[in-house]
Amino acid sequence: MSANRTTIGYRGQSFKEGLLTFKASMNLNSGWQGFAIRSSDTQDYGWAGNVQYLLVVKQDVIEAPTVC
């Protein structure tokens, strides 16, 4: 599976407020990776009409937040 076409979603407990933490390993040599929060559909991409906040991580910059 190509990394630029992979999506993983979480449909468990909703969180109203607080701090969420996670660990991620990223290979940014091939471009960028992103993390979506408050996604209207956890199984679809942001550019497919899915409303979300997208945090984009690149080798030299983090873009946060952008609304798709």
N, C-alpha and C. Protein backbone atom coordinates (compact mmCIF):
# COMPACT_ATOMS: atom_id res chain seq x y z
N MET A 1 0.84 -1.18 0.00
CA MET A 1 0.00 0.00 0.00
C MET A 1 0.89 1.24 0.00
N SER A 2 0.63 2.16 -0.87
CA SER A 2 1.40 3.39 -0.97
C SER A 2 1.07 4.33 0.18
N ALA A 3 2.09 4.91 0.79
CA ALA A 3 1.89 5.78 1.94
C ALA A 3 1.04 7.00 1.60
N ASN A 4 1.13 7.49 0.37
CA ASN A 4 0.35 8.67 0.01
C ASN A 4 -1.10 8.34 -0.29
N ARG A 5 -1.49 7.10 -0.10
CA ARG A 5 -2.88 6.70 -0.33
C ARG A 5 -3.46 5.94 0.86
N THR A 6 -2.83 6.06 1.99
CA THR A 6 -3.26 5.33 3.17
C THR A 6 -4.04 6.26 4.11
N THR A 7 -5.14 5.77 4.64
CA THR A 7 -5.88 6.52 5.64
C THR A 7 -6.28 5.56 6.76
N ILE A 8 -6.15 6.03 7.97
CA ILE A 8 -6.53 5.26 9.15
C ILE A 8 -7.40 6.16 10.00
N GLY A 9 -8.53 5.66 10.44
CA GLY A 9 -9.45 6.48 11.22
C GLY A 9 -9.75 5.89 12.58
N TYR A 10 -10.21 6.73 13.48
CA TYR A 10 -10.60 6.34 14.84
C TYR A 10 -12.06 6.72 15.03
N ARG A 11 -12.89 5.75 15.38
CA ARG A 11 -14.32 6.01 15.59
C ARG A 11 -14.76 5.68 17.01
N GLY A 12 -13.84 5.71 17.92
CA GLY A 12 -14.15 5.37 19.31
C GLY A 12 -14.76 6.54 20.06
N GLN A 13 -14.38 6.65 21.29
CA GLN A 13 -14.89 7.70 22.18
C GLN A 13 -14.60 9.08 21.62
N SER A 14 -15.56 9.98 21.73
CA SER A 14 -15.35 11.39 21.34
C SER A 14 -14.76 12.13 22.52
N PHE A 15 -13.89 13.09 22.23
CA PHE A 15 -13.26 13.88 23.27
C PHE A 15 -13.68 15.33 23.11
N LYS A 16 -14.26 15.90 24.15
CA LYS A 16 -14.75 17.28 24.10
C LYS A 16 -13.63 18.28 24.32
N GLU A 17 -12.73 18.00 25.27
CA GLU A 17 -11.62 18.88 25.55
C GLU A 17 -10.52 18.08 26.22
N GLY A 18 -9.33 18.62 26.21
CA GLY A 18 -8.20 17.92 26.80
C GLY A 18 -7.05 17.84 25.82
N LEU A 19 -6.02 17.15 26.22
CA LEU A 19 -4.82 17.01 25.41
C LEU A 19 -4.67 15.55 25.01
N LEU A 20 -4.58 15.31 23.73
CA LEU A 20 -4.34 13.96 23.22
C LEU A 20 -2.90 13.87 22.76
N THR A 21 -2.24 12.78 23.07
CA THR A 21 -0.87 12.57 22.62
C THR A 21 -0.78 11.24 21.89
N PHE A 22 0.20 11.15 20.98
CA PHE A 22 0.43 9.92 20.26
C PHE A 22 1.87 9.94 19.75
N LYS A 23 2.36 8.78 19.38
CA LYS A 23 3.68 8.65 18.78
C LYS A 23 3.50 8.28 17.31
N ALA A 24 4.33 8.86 16.46
CA ALA A 24 4.24 8.57 15.03
C ALA A 24 5.64 8.50 14.45
N SER A 25 5.85 7.54 13.58
CA SER A 25 7.09 7.46 12.81
C SER A 25 6.76 7.84 11.38
N MET A 26 7.53 8.77 10.83
CA MET A 26 7.24 9.26 9.50
C MET A 26 8.48 9.23 8.62
N ASN A 27 8.31 8.84 7.37
CA ASN A 27 9.36 8.93 6.37
C ASN A 27 9.00 10.09 5.46
N LEU A 28 9.63 11.22 5.67
CA LEU A 28 9.29 12.43 4.91
C LEU A 28 10.14 12.61 3.67
N ASN A 29 10.97 11.63 3.35
CA ASN A 29 11.80 11.71 2.15
C ASN A 29 10.97 11.68 0.88
N SER A 30 9.80 11.10 0.94
CA SER A 30 8.96 10.96 -0.25
C SER A 30 7.89 12.04 -0.35
N GLY A 31 7.92 13.05 0.51
CA GLY A 31 6.91 14.11 0.42
C GLY A 31 6.43 14.55 1.78
N TRP A 32 5.17 14.38 2.05
CA TRP A 32 4.58 14.85 3.29
C TRP A 32 3.64 13.80 3.86
N GLN A 33 3.31 13.97 5.14
CA GLN A 33 2.28 13.17 5.79
C GLN A 33 1.41 14.12 6.58
N GLY A 34 0.19 13.69 6.85
CA GLY A 34 -0.72 14.57 7.56
C GLY A 34 -1.56 13.84 8.59
N PHE A 35 -2.08 14.62 9.52
CA PHE A 35 -2.97 14.12 10.55
C PHE A 35 -4.24 14.96 10.53
N ALA A 36 -5.36 14.34 10.39
CA ALA A 36 -6.64 15.06 10.36
C ALA A 36 -7.30 14.94 11.72
N ILE A 37 -7.89 16.03 12.18
CA ILE A 37 -8.66 16.01 13.42
C ILE A 37 -10.05 16.58 13.13
N ARG A 38 -11.01 16.17 13.96
CA ARG A 38 -12.41 16.59 13.81
C ARG A 38 -12.93 16.29 12.41
N SER A 39 -12.60 15.12 11.92
CA SER A 39 -12.99 14.71 10.58
C SER A 39 -14.45 14.27 10.54
N SER A 40 -15.16 14.67 9.51
CA SER A 40 -16.57 14.26 9.39
C SER A 40 -16.70 12.80 8.96
N ASP A 41 -15.67 12.25 8.33
CA ASP A 41 -15.65 10.83 7.93
C ASP A 41 -14.25 10.29 8.17
N THR A 42 -14.08 9.45 9.18
CA THR A 42 -12.75 8.96 9.56
C THR A 42 -12.16 7.97 8.58
N GLN A 43 -12.91 7.56 7.58
CA GLN A 43 -12.42 6.57 6.62
C GLN A 43 -12.19 7.16 5.23
N ASP A 44 -12.24 8.48 5.09
CA ASP A 44 -12.09 9.10 3.77
C ASP A 44 -11.05 10.20 3.82
N TYR A 45 -10.51 10.56 2.67
CA TYR A 45 -9.50 11.60 2.56
C TYR A 45 -10.13 12.98 2.64
N GLY A 46 -9.34 13.96 3.07
CA GLY A 46 -9.84 15.33 3.17
C GLY A 46 -10.19 15.93 1.84
N TRP A 47 -9.48 15.57 0.79
CA TRP A 47 -9.73 16.14 -0.53
C TRP A 47 -10.89 15.45 -1.25
N ALA A 48 -11.59 14.56 -0.54
CA ALA A 48 -12.76 13.88 -1.12
C ALA A 48 -14.05 14.49 -0.58
N GLY A 49 -14.01 15.76 -0.18
CA GLY A 49 -15.20 16.42 0.35
C GLY A 49 -15.41 16.19 1.83
N ASN A 50 -14.40 15.68 2.52
CA ASN A 50 -14.47 15.38 3.94
C ASN A 50 -14.00 16.59 4.74
N VAL A 51 -14.87 17.18 5.55
CA VAL A 51 -14.52 18.37 6.33
C VAL A 51 -13.66 17.96 7.53
N GLN A 52 -12.52 18.65 7.69
CA GLN A 52 -11.59 18.32 8.77
C GLN A 52 -10.54 19.41 8.92
N TYR A 53 -9.77 19.35 9.99
CA TYR A 53 -8.57 20.16 10.16
C TYR A 53 -7.39 19.26 9.84
N LEU A 54 -6.55 19.65 8.92
CA LEU A 54 -5.46 18.82 8.46
C LEU A 54 -4.13 19.43 8.87
N LEU A 55 -3.36 18.69 9.67
CA LEU A 55 -2.01 19.10 10.07
C LEU A 55 -1.04 18.41 9.12
N VAL A 56 -0.32 19.19 8.33
CA VAL A 56 0.58 18.65 7.32
C VAL A 56 2.01 18.76 7.84
N VAL A 57 2.74 17.63 7.80
CA VAL A 57 4.12 17.59 8.26
C VAL A 57 5.03 17.34 7.06
N LYS A 58 5.96 18.27 6.83
CA LYS A 58 6.95 18.14 5.76
C LYS A 58 8.34 18.15 6.38
N GLN A 59 9.36 17.94 5.59
CA GLN A 59 10.73 17.91 6.13
C GLN A 59 11.13 19.22 6.79
N ASP A 60 10.68 20.35 6.25
CA ASP A 60 11.15 21.64 6.74
C ASP A 60 10.07 22.52 7.36
N VAL A 61 8.83 22.04 7.43
CA VAL A 61 7.76 22.88 7.94
C VAL A 61 6.58 22.03 8.40
N ILE A 62 5.82 22.56 9.35
CA ILE A 62 4.54 21.95 9.74
C ILE A 62 3.47 23.00 9.43
N GLU A 63 2.47 22.61 8.65
CA GLU A 63 1.37 23.51 8.31
C GLU A 63 0.19 23.14 9.20
N ALA A 64 -0.25 24.11 10.02
CA ALA A 64 -1.34 23.78 10.96
C ALA A 64 -2.11 25.05 11.32
N PRO A 65 -3.42 24.97 11.44
CA PRO A 65 -4.29 24.01 10.75
C PRO A 65 -4.74 24.56 9.43
N THR A 66 -5.06 23.69 8.53
CA THR A 66 -5.71 24.08 7.29
C THR A 66 -7.06 23.37 7.25
N VAL A 67 -8.06 24.03 6.74
CA VAL A 67 -9.39 23.45 6.68
C VAL A 67 -9.64 22.95 5.28
N CYS A 68 -9.98 21.69 5.16
CA CYS A 68 -10.28 21.09 3.84
C CYS A 68 -11.78 21.11 3.60
